[in-house]
Every structure is written in C-alpha cells, then in structure tokens.
C-alpha cells in the first residue's frame, strides 16, 4: 500500500490498518522452511567465495 502522498501520521496509520484488514490472509509458511534464527549459520569464508 502506497501512503507516500499522505502527510498526516494518524491518517496514514488508519489507511494502512484498513488495507491490512481488507487484504487476503497470508498462507502459512511451509514446514521445511527455516526462518531467522533457525537458518544454518555461515562459518568464516575464504575471500571471493559465495556464502550460500
């Protein structure tokens, strides 16, 4: 939702809340997908190597 044109903070907040309410619910995350802290950590890499 683009609210750049709205300058008033409270009005922008109301617009965003309304948009969130109207939007379709997001799908659940797939079972095998790690998120954030559960992701595999990258150990020290050699210069020039890709990390993932």
C-alpha atoms as a PDB file:
ATOM      1  CA  UNK A   1       0.000   0.000   0.000  1.00  0.00           C
ATOM      2  CA  UNK A   2       1.497   3.332  -1.069  1.00  0.00           C
ATOM      3  CA  UNK A   3       0.921   6.046   1.558  1.00  0.00           C
ATOM      4  CA  UNK A   4       3.656   8.483   0.487  1.00  0.00           C
ATOM      5  CA  UNK A   5       1.122  11.111  -0.590  1.00  0.00           C
ATOM      6  CA  UNK A   6      -0.466  11.167   2.886  1.00  0.00           C
ATOM      7  CA  UNK A   7       1.430  13.525   5.178  1.00  0.00           C
ATOM      8  CA  UNK A   8      -0.557  13.105   8.402  1.00  0.00           C
ATOM      9  CA  UNK A   9       0.824  10.240  10.512  1.00  0.00           C
ATOM     10  CA  UNK A  10      -2.506   9.259  12.086  1.00  0.00           C
ATOM     11  CA  UNK A  11      -4.281   9.258   8.725  1.00  0.00           C
ATOM     12  CA  UNK A  12      -1.553   7.118   7.186  1.00  0.00           C
ATOM     13  CA  UNK A  13      -1.850   4.685  10.092  1.00  0.00           C
ATOM     14  CA  UNK A  14      -5.609   4.405   9.559  1.00  0.00           C
ATOM     15  CA  UNK A  15      -5.150   3.792   5.821  1.00  0.00           C
ATOM     16  CA  UNK A  16      -2.594   1.052   6.421  1.00  0.00           C
ATOM     17  CA  UNK A  17      -4.738  -0.670   9.045  1.00  0.00           C
ATOM     18  CA  UNK A  18      -7.733  -0.615   6.706  1.00  0.00           C
ATOM     19  CA  UNK A  19      -5.631  -2.075   3.887  1.00  0.00           C
ATOM     20  CA  UNK A  20      -4.327  -4.858   6.152  1.00  0.00           C
ATOM     21  CA  UNK A  21      -7.844  -5.720   7.247  1.00  0.00           C
ATOM     22  CA  UNK A  22      -9.066  -5.862   3.639  1.00  0.00           C
ATOM     23  CA  UNK A  23      -6.123  -7.935   2.333  1.00  0.00           C
ATOM     24  CA  UNK A  24      -6.423 -11.703   1.939  1.00  0.00           C
ATOM     25  CA  UNK A  25      -4.810 -13.699   4.788  1.00  0.00           C
ATOM     26  CA  UNK A  26      -1.236 -14.806   4.141  1.00  0.00           C
ATOM     27  CA  UNK A  27      -0.527 -18.501   3.608  1.00  0.00           C
ATOM     28  CA  UNK A  28       1.234 -20.426   6.374  1.00  0.00           C
ATOM     29  CA  UNK A  29       4.962 -20.983   5.961  1.00  0.00           C
ATOM     30  CA  UNK A  30       5.902 -24.377   4.511  1.00  0.00           C
ATOM     31  CA  UNK A  31       7.017 -26.993   7.042  1.00  0.00           C
ATOM     32  CA  UNK A  32      10.601 -27.373   5.775  1.00  0.00           C
ATOM     33  CA  UNK A  33      11.416 -23.654   5.572  1.00  0.00           C
ATOM     34  CA  UNK A  34      13.692 -22.358   8.331  1.00  0.00           C
ATOM     35  CA  UNK A  35      13.245 -18.784   9.429  1.00  0.00           C
ATOM     36  CA  UNK A  36      15.660 -16.337  11.014  1.00  0.00           C
ATOM     37  CA  UNK A  37      17.475 -17.923  13.951  1.00  0.00           C
ATOM     38  CA  UNK A  38      16.748 -21.476  12.728  1.00  0.00           C
ATOM     39  CA  UNK A  39      18.681 -20.936   9.477  1.00  0.00           C
ATOM     40  CA  UNK A  40      22.046 -22.627   9.002  1.00  0.00           C
ATOM     41  CA  UNK A  41      24.803 -20.274  10.116  1.00  0.00           C
ATOM     42  CA  UNK A  42      27.661 -19.429   7.765  1.00  0.00           C
ATOM     43  CA  UNK A  43      31.110 -20.049   9.187  1.00  0.00           C
ATOM     44  CA  UNK A  44      34.152 -17.981   8.207  1.00  0.00           C
ATOM     45  CA  UNK A  45      34.560 -17.948   4.432  1.00  0.00           C
ATOM     46  CA  UNK A  46      37.518 -17.509   2.123  1.00  0.00           C
ATOM     47  CA  UNK A  47      37.556 -14.208   0.210  1.00  0.00           C
ATOM     48  CA  UNK A  48      35.700 -14.437  -3.105  1.00  0.00           C
ATOM     49  CA  UNK A  49      33.566 -17.440  -2.179  1.00  0.00           C
ATOM     50  CA  UNK A  50      29.774 -17.380  -2.284  1.00  0.00           C
ATOM     51  CA  UNK A  51      28.174 -17.784   1.111  1.00  0.00           C
ATOM     52  CA  UNK A  52      25.093 -19.723   0.062  1.00  0.00           C
END
